[in-house]
N, C-alpha and C. Protein backbone atom coordinates (compact mmCIF):
# COMPACT_ATOMS: atom_id res chain seq x y z
N MET A 1 1.50 -13.34 -4.56
CA MET A 1 1.00 -12.15 -3.89
C MET A 1 1.75 -10.94 -4.43
N LEU A 2 1.00 -9.95 -4.89
CA LEU A 2 1.60 -8.77 -5.50
C LEU A 2 2.54 -8.02 -4.57
N SER A 3 2.20 -7.96 -3.30
CA SER A 3 3.05 -7.23 -2.36
C SER A 3 4.45 -7.83 -2.29
N LEU A 4 4.54 -9.14 -2.30
CA LEU A 4 5.85 -9.79 -2.23
C LEU A 4 6.61 -9.62 -3.54
N GLU A 5 5.89 -9.61 -4.65
CA GLU A 5 6.55 -9.39 -5.94
C GLU A 5 7.13 -7.98 -6.01
N VAL A 6 6.36 -7.00 -5.56
CA VAL A 6 6.86 -5.62 -5.60
C VAL A 6 8.02 -5.45 -4.62
N LEU A 7 8.00 -6.16 -3.51
CA LEU A 7 9.12 -6.09 -2.56
C LEU A 7 10.40 -6.65 -3.17
N THR A 8 10.28 -7.72 -3.94
CA THR A 8 11.45 -8.29 -4.61
C THR A 8 12.05 -7.26 -5.56
N MET A 9 11.22 -6.61 -6.35
CA MET A 9 11.69 -5.59 -7.28
C MET A 9 12.24 -4.38 -6.54
N ALA A 10 11.55 -3.96 -5.48
CA ALA A 10 11.98 -2.79 -4.71
C ALA A 10 13.31 -3.06 -4.00
N ASN A 11 13.51 -4.27 -3.53
CA ASN A 11 14.77 -4.64 -2.89
C ASN A 11 15.91 -4.54 -3.89
N ARG A 12 15.68 -5.02 -5.09
CA ARG A 12 16.70 -4.94 -6.14
C ARG A 12 17.01 -3.47 -6.44
N LEU A 13 15.99 -2.63 -6.56
CA LEU A 13 16.17 -1.22 -6.83
C LEU A 13 16.93 -0.53 -5.69
N ALA A 14 16.56 -0.85 -4.46
CA ALA A 14 17.25 -0.26 -3.30
C ALA A 14 18.74 -0.60 -3.31
N ARG A 15 19.05 -1.85 -3.62
CA ARG A 15 20.46 -2.25 -3.69
C ARG A 15 21.19 -1.46 -4.78
N GLU A 16 20.55 -1.33 -5.95
CA GLU A 16 21.16 -0.57 -7.05
C GLU A 16 21.36 0.89 -6.69
N MET A 17 20.45 1.44 -5.89
CA MET A 17 20.54 2.84 -5.48
C MET A 17 21.43 3.03 -4.26
N GLY A 18 21.87 1.92 -3.64
CA GLY A 18 22.71 2.00 -2.46
C GLY A 18 21.99 2.52 -1.23
N THR A 19 20.73 2.13 -1.09
CA THR A 19 19.94 2.59 0.04
C THR A 19 19.22 1.41 0.70
N GLN A 20 18.59 1.68 1.82
CA GLN A 20 17.84 0.66 2.54
C GLN A 20 16.41 0.60 2.01
N LEU A 21 15.81 -0.57 2.08
CA LEU A 21 14.41 -0.76 1.70
C LEU A 21 13.55 -0.64 2.95
N GLU A 22 12.59 0.26 2.89
CA GLU A 22 11.64 0.44 3.98
C GLU A 22 10.25 0.14 3.45
N ALA A 23 9.36 -0.28 4.34
CA ALA A 23 8.00 -0.63 3.92
C ALA A 23 6.99 -0.10 4.93
N VAL A 24 5.74 -0.02 4.48
CA VAL A 24 4.63 0.39 5.34
C VAL A 24 3.64 -0.76 5.40
N ALA A 25 3.19 -1.11 6.60
CA ALA A 25 2.14 -2.11 6.79
C ALA A 25 0.97 -1.41 7.49
N MET A 26 -0.24 -1.71 7.03
CA MET A 26 -1.44 -1.03 7.51
C MET A 26 -2.38 -1.95 8.26
N GLY A 27 -3.08 -1.37 9.21
CA GLY A 27 -4.18 -2.05 9.86
C GLY A 27 -3.81 -2.75 11.15
N PRO A 28 -4.82 -3.30 11.80
CA PRO A 28 -4.58 -4.00 13.06
C PRO A 28 -3.59 -5.15 12.86
N ASN A 29 -2.71 -5.31 13.77
CA ASN A 29 -1.71 -6.38 13.75
C ASN A 29 -0.74 -6.27 12.57
N ALA A 30 -0.57 -5.08 12.03
CA ALA A 30 0.32 -4.87 10.89
C ALA A 30 1.75 -5.26 11.22
N ALA A 31 2.16 -5.09 12.46
CA ALA A 31 3.53 -5.41 12.85
C ALA A 31 3.84 -6.90 12.68
N ALA A 32 2.82 -7.73 12.62
CA ALA A 32 3.04 -9.16 12.45
C ALA A 32 3.71 -9.49 11.12
N ALA A 33 3.68 -8.55 10.19
CA ALA A 33 4.30 -8.76 8.88
C ALA A 33 5.81 -8.60 8.90
N ALA A 34 6.37 -8.15 10.00
CA ALA A 34 7.80 -7.84 10.07
C ALA A 34 8.69 -9.01 9.67
N GLY A 35 8.38 -10.20 10.12
CA GLY A 35 9.22 -11.36 9.83
C GLY A 35 9.32 -11.66 8.35
N ILE A 36 8.20 -11.76 7.69
CA ILE A 36 8.22 -12.07 6.26
C ILE A 36 8.83 -10.93 5.47
N LEU A 37 8.55 -9.69 5.87
CA LEU A 37 9.08 -8.55 5.14
C LEU A 37 10.60 -8.46 5.26
N SER A 38 11.13 -8.79 6.42
CA SER A 38 12.59 -8.75 6.56
C SER A 38 13.25 -9.80 5.67
N SER A 39 12.57 -10.90 5.43
CA SER A 39 13.15 -11.91 4.55
C SER A 39 13.15 -11.47 3.08
N TYR A 40 12.40 -10.40 2.77
CA TYR A 40 12.40 -9.82 1.43
C TYR A 40 13.28 -8.57 1.35
N GLY A 41 14.06 -8.32 2.39
CA GLY A 41 15.03 -7.24 2.36
C GLY A 41 14.60 -5.95 3.03
N VAL A 42 13.44 -5.93 3.66
CA VAL A 42 12.97 -4.72 4.33
C VAL A 42 13.79 -4.51 5.60
N SER A 43 14.46 -3.36 5.68
CA SER A 43 15.27 -3.06 6.85
C SER A 43 14.47 -2.33 7.92
N THR A 44 13.48 -1.56 7.51
CA THR A 44 12.64 -0.81 8.45
C THR A 44 11.18 -0.99 8.05
N LEU A 45 10.37 -1.38 9.00
CA LEU A 45 8.93 -1.51 8.76
C LEU A 45 8.23 -0.40 9.54
N HIS A 46 7.52 0.44 8.82
CA HIS A 46 6.71 1.49 9.42
C HIS A 46 5.30 0.93 9.53
N VAL A 47 4.71 1.02 10.71
CA VAL A 47 3.42 0.39 10.97
C VAL A 47 2.35 1.43 11.25
N ALA A 48 1.26 1.34 10.51
CA ALA A 48 0.07 2.16 10.77
C ALA A 48 -0.96 1.20 11.36
N ASP A 49 -0.82 0.94 12.65
CA ASP A 49 -1.66 -0.05 13.35
C ASP A 49 -2.88 0.65 13.94
N ASP A 50 -3.87 0.80 13.11
CA ASP A 50 -5.09 1.50 13.49
C ASP A 50 -6.27 0.68 12.99
N GLY A 51 -7.17 0.36 13.87
CA GLY A 51 -8.34 -0.44 13.51
C GLY A 51 -9.17 0.16 12.39
N ARG A 52 -9.13 1.49 12.26
CA ARG A 52 -9.90 2.15 11.20
C ARG A 52 -9.32 1.87 9.82
N LEU A 53 -8.10 1.33 9.75
CA LEU A 53 -7.47 1.02 8.47
C LEU A 53 -7.65 -0.45 8.08
N ALA A 54 -8.46 -1.19 8.85
CA ALA A 54 -8.65 -2.61 8.59
C ALA A 54 -9.35 -2.86 7.25
N ASP A 55 -10.32 -2.04 6.92
CA ASP A 55 -11.05 -2.20 5.66
C ASP A 55 -10.44 -1.29 4.60
N TYR A 56 -10.59 -1.69 3.35
CA TYR A 56 -10.04 -0.91 2.24
C TYR A 56 -10.66 0.48 2.18
N ALA A 57 -9.81 1.47 2.30
CA ALA A 57 -10.23 2.88 2.23
C ALA A 57 -9.05 3.65 1.66
N PRO A 58 -8.98 3.79 0.33
CA PRO A 58 -7.77 4.33 -0.30
C PRO A 58 -7.34 5.71 0.21
N ALA A 59 -8.27 6.61 0.44
CA ALA A 59 -7.89 7.93 0.94
C ALA A 59 -7.33 7.83 2.35
N ALA A 60 -7.95 6.98 3.17
CA ALA A 60 -7.47 6.80 4.54
C ALA A 60 -6.10 6.11 4.55
N TRP A 61 -5.89 5.12 3.70
CA TRP A 61 -4.60 4.44 3.63
C TRP A 61 -3.51 5.38 3.15
N ALA A 62 -3.87 6.30 2.26
CA ALA A 62 -2.88 7.24 1.71
C ALA A 62 -2.36 8.21 2.76
N HIS A 63 -3.18 8.54 3.73
CA HIS A 63 -2.78 9.53 4.73
C HIS A 63 -1.49 9.15 5.46
N PRO A 64 -1.39 7.98 6.09
CA PRO A 64 -0.14 7.67 6.80
C PRO A 64 1.05 7.50 5.86
N ILE A 65 0.81 7.06 4.62
CA ILE A 65 1.92 6.91 3.67
C ILE A 65 2.47 8.29 3.31
N ALA A 66 1.59 9.21 2.97
CA ALA A 66 2.03 10.56 2.60
C ALA A 66 2.68 11.27 3.79
N GLU A 67 2.12 11.08 4.97
CA GLU A 67 2.69 11.69 6.17
C GLU A 67 4.10 11.15 6.43
N LEU A 68 4.26 9.85 6.32
CA LEU A 68 5.57 9.23 6.50
C LEU A 68 6.56 9.72 5.44
N ALA A 69 6.11 9.80 4.20
CA ALA A 69 6.99 10.28 3.12
C ALA A 69 7.46 11.70 3.40
N GLY A 70 6.60 12.52 3.96
CA GLY A 70 7.00 13.87 4.32
C GLY A 70 8.07 13.90 5.40
N GLN A 71 8.08 12.88 6.25
CA GLN A 71 9.06 12.81 7.33
C GLN A 71 10.39 12.21 6.89
N VAL A 72 10.34 11.11 6.15
CA VAL A 72 11.58 10.40 5.81
C VAL A 72 12.15 10.80 4.45
N LYS A 73 11.38 11.51 3.64
CA LYS A 73 11.84 12.01 2.33
C LYS A 73 12.45 10.92 1.45
N PRO A 74 11.68 9.88 1.12
CA PRO A 74 12.23 8.81 0.28
C PRO A 74 12.50 9.30 -1.13
N ARG A 75 13.46 8.68 -1.78
CA ARG A 75 13.75 9.01 -3.18
C ARG A 75 12.72 8.38 -4.10
N VAL A 76 12.15 7.25 -3.71
CA VAL A 76 11.17 6.51 -4.52
C VAL A 76 10.09 5.95 -3.60
N ILE A 77 8.85 6.00 -4.05
CA ILE A 77 7.74 5.34 -3.36
C ILE A 77 7.11 4.39 -4.38
N ILE A 78 6.95 3.14 -3.99
CA ILE A 78 6.43 2.12 -4.90
C ILE A 78 5.21 1.45 -4.27
N GLY A 79 4.19 1.24 -5.08
CA GLY A 79 3.02 0.48 -4.66
C GLY A 79 2.81 -0.67 -5.62
N THR A 80 1.88 -1.53 -5.30
CA THR A 80 1.60 -2.67 -6.17
C THR A 80 0.90 -2.21 -7.44
N ALA A 81 1.05 -2.98 -8.49
CA ALA A 81 0.40 -2.68 -9.77
C ALA A 81 -0.96 -3.37 -9.82
N SER A 82 -1.80 -3.00 -8.88
CA SER A 82 -3.15 -3.54 -8.82
C SER A 82 -4.12 -2.35 -8.84
N ASP A 83 -5.39 -2.64 -9.00
CA ASP A 83 -6.37 -1.55 -8.95
C ASP A 83 -6.29 -0.82 -7.62
N ARG A 84 -6.23 -1.57 -6.54
CA ARG A 84 -6.15 -0.96 -5.21
C ARG A 84 -4.85 -0.19 -5.03
N GLY A 85 -3.74 -0.81 -5.43
CA GLY A 85 -2.44 -0.15 -5.30
C GLY A 85 -2.40 1.15 -6.08
N GLY A 86 -2.92 1.12 -7.29
CA GLY A 86 -2.95 2.33 -8.11
C GLY A 86 -3.81 3.42 -7.50
N GLU A 87 -4.94 3.01 -6.93
CA GLU A 87 -5.85 3.98 -6.32
C GLU A 87 -5.22 4.61 -5.08
N VAL A 88 -4.62 3.78 -4.23
CA VAL A 88 -3.97 4.31 -3.03
C VAL A 88 -2.83 5.24 -3.41
N MET A 89 -1.99 4.83 -4.37
CA MET A 89 -0.86 5.66 -4.76
C MET A 89 -1.32 6.97 -5.41
N ALA A 90 -2.44 6.96 -6.10
CA ALA A 90 -2.99 8.21 -6.65
C ALA A 90 -3.37 9.17 -5.52
N HIS A 91 -3.95 8.64 -4.46
CA HIS A 91 -4.28 9.46 -3.29
C HIS A 91 -3.02 9.97 -2.60
N VAL A 92 -1.99 9.12 -2.53
CA VAL A 92 -0.71 9.54 -1.94
C VAL A 92 -0.14 10.71 -2.75
N ALA A 93 -0.11 10.56 -4.06
CA ALA A 93 0.44 11.61 -4.93
C ALA A 93 -0.34 12.91 -4.75
N THR A 94 -1.65 12.82 -4.65
CA THR A 94 -2.47 14.02 -4.47
C THR A 94 -2.15 14.72 -3.16
N ARG A 95 -1.95 13.94 -2.12
CA ARG A 95 -1.63 14.52 -0.82
C ARG A 95 -0.25 15.16 -0.79
N MET A 96 0.64 14.67 -1.63
CA MET A 96 2.02 15.14 -1.60
C MET A 96 2.28 16.32 -2.53
N THR A 97 1.30 16.74 -3.30
CA THR A 97 1.53 17.86 -4.23
C THR A 97 1.22 19.18 -3.59
């Protein structure tokens, strides 16, 4: 699963940077991912638990990510290297400029 692979890499990067690894989970029941994510080094899970995010909608998914980034001011934001991940992150970047 690409998400777990990127978490492994992100955890390594966070350790090298001397910071905590935080993650975002989307959609209904997103908080259920907390257990597995903590085992990959996630210290804080931000949850966008909204039924409207259940289906793939890159612009809609980008909104809570960009909003959160504006609040917590992360040094790095990482998404999966998939078509969907790239599309969502492009929307995030557009919202943050």
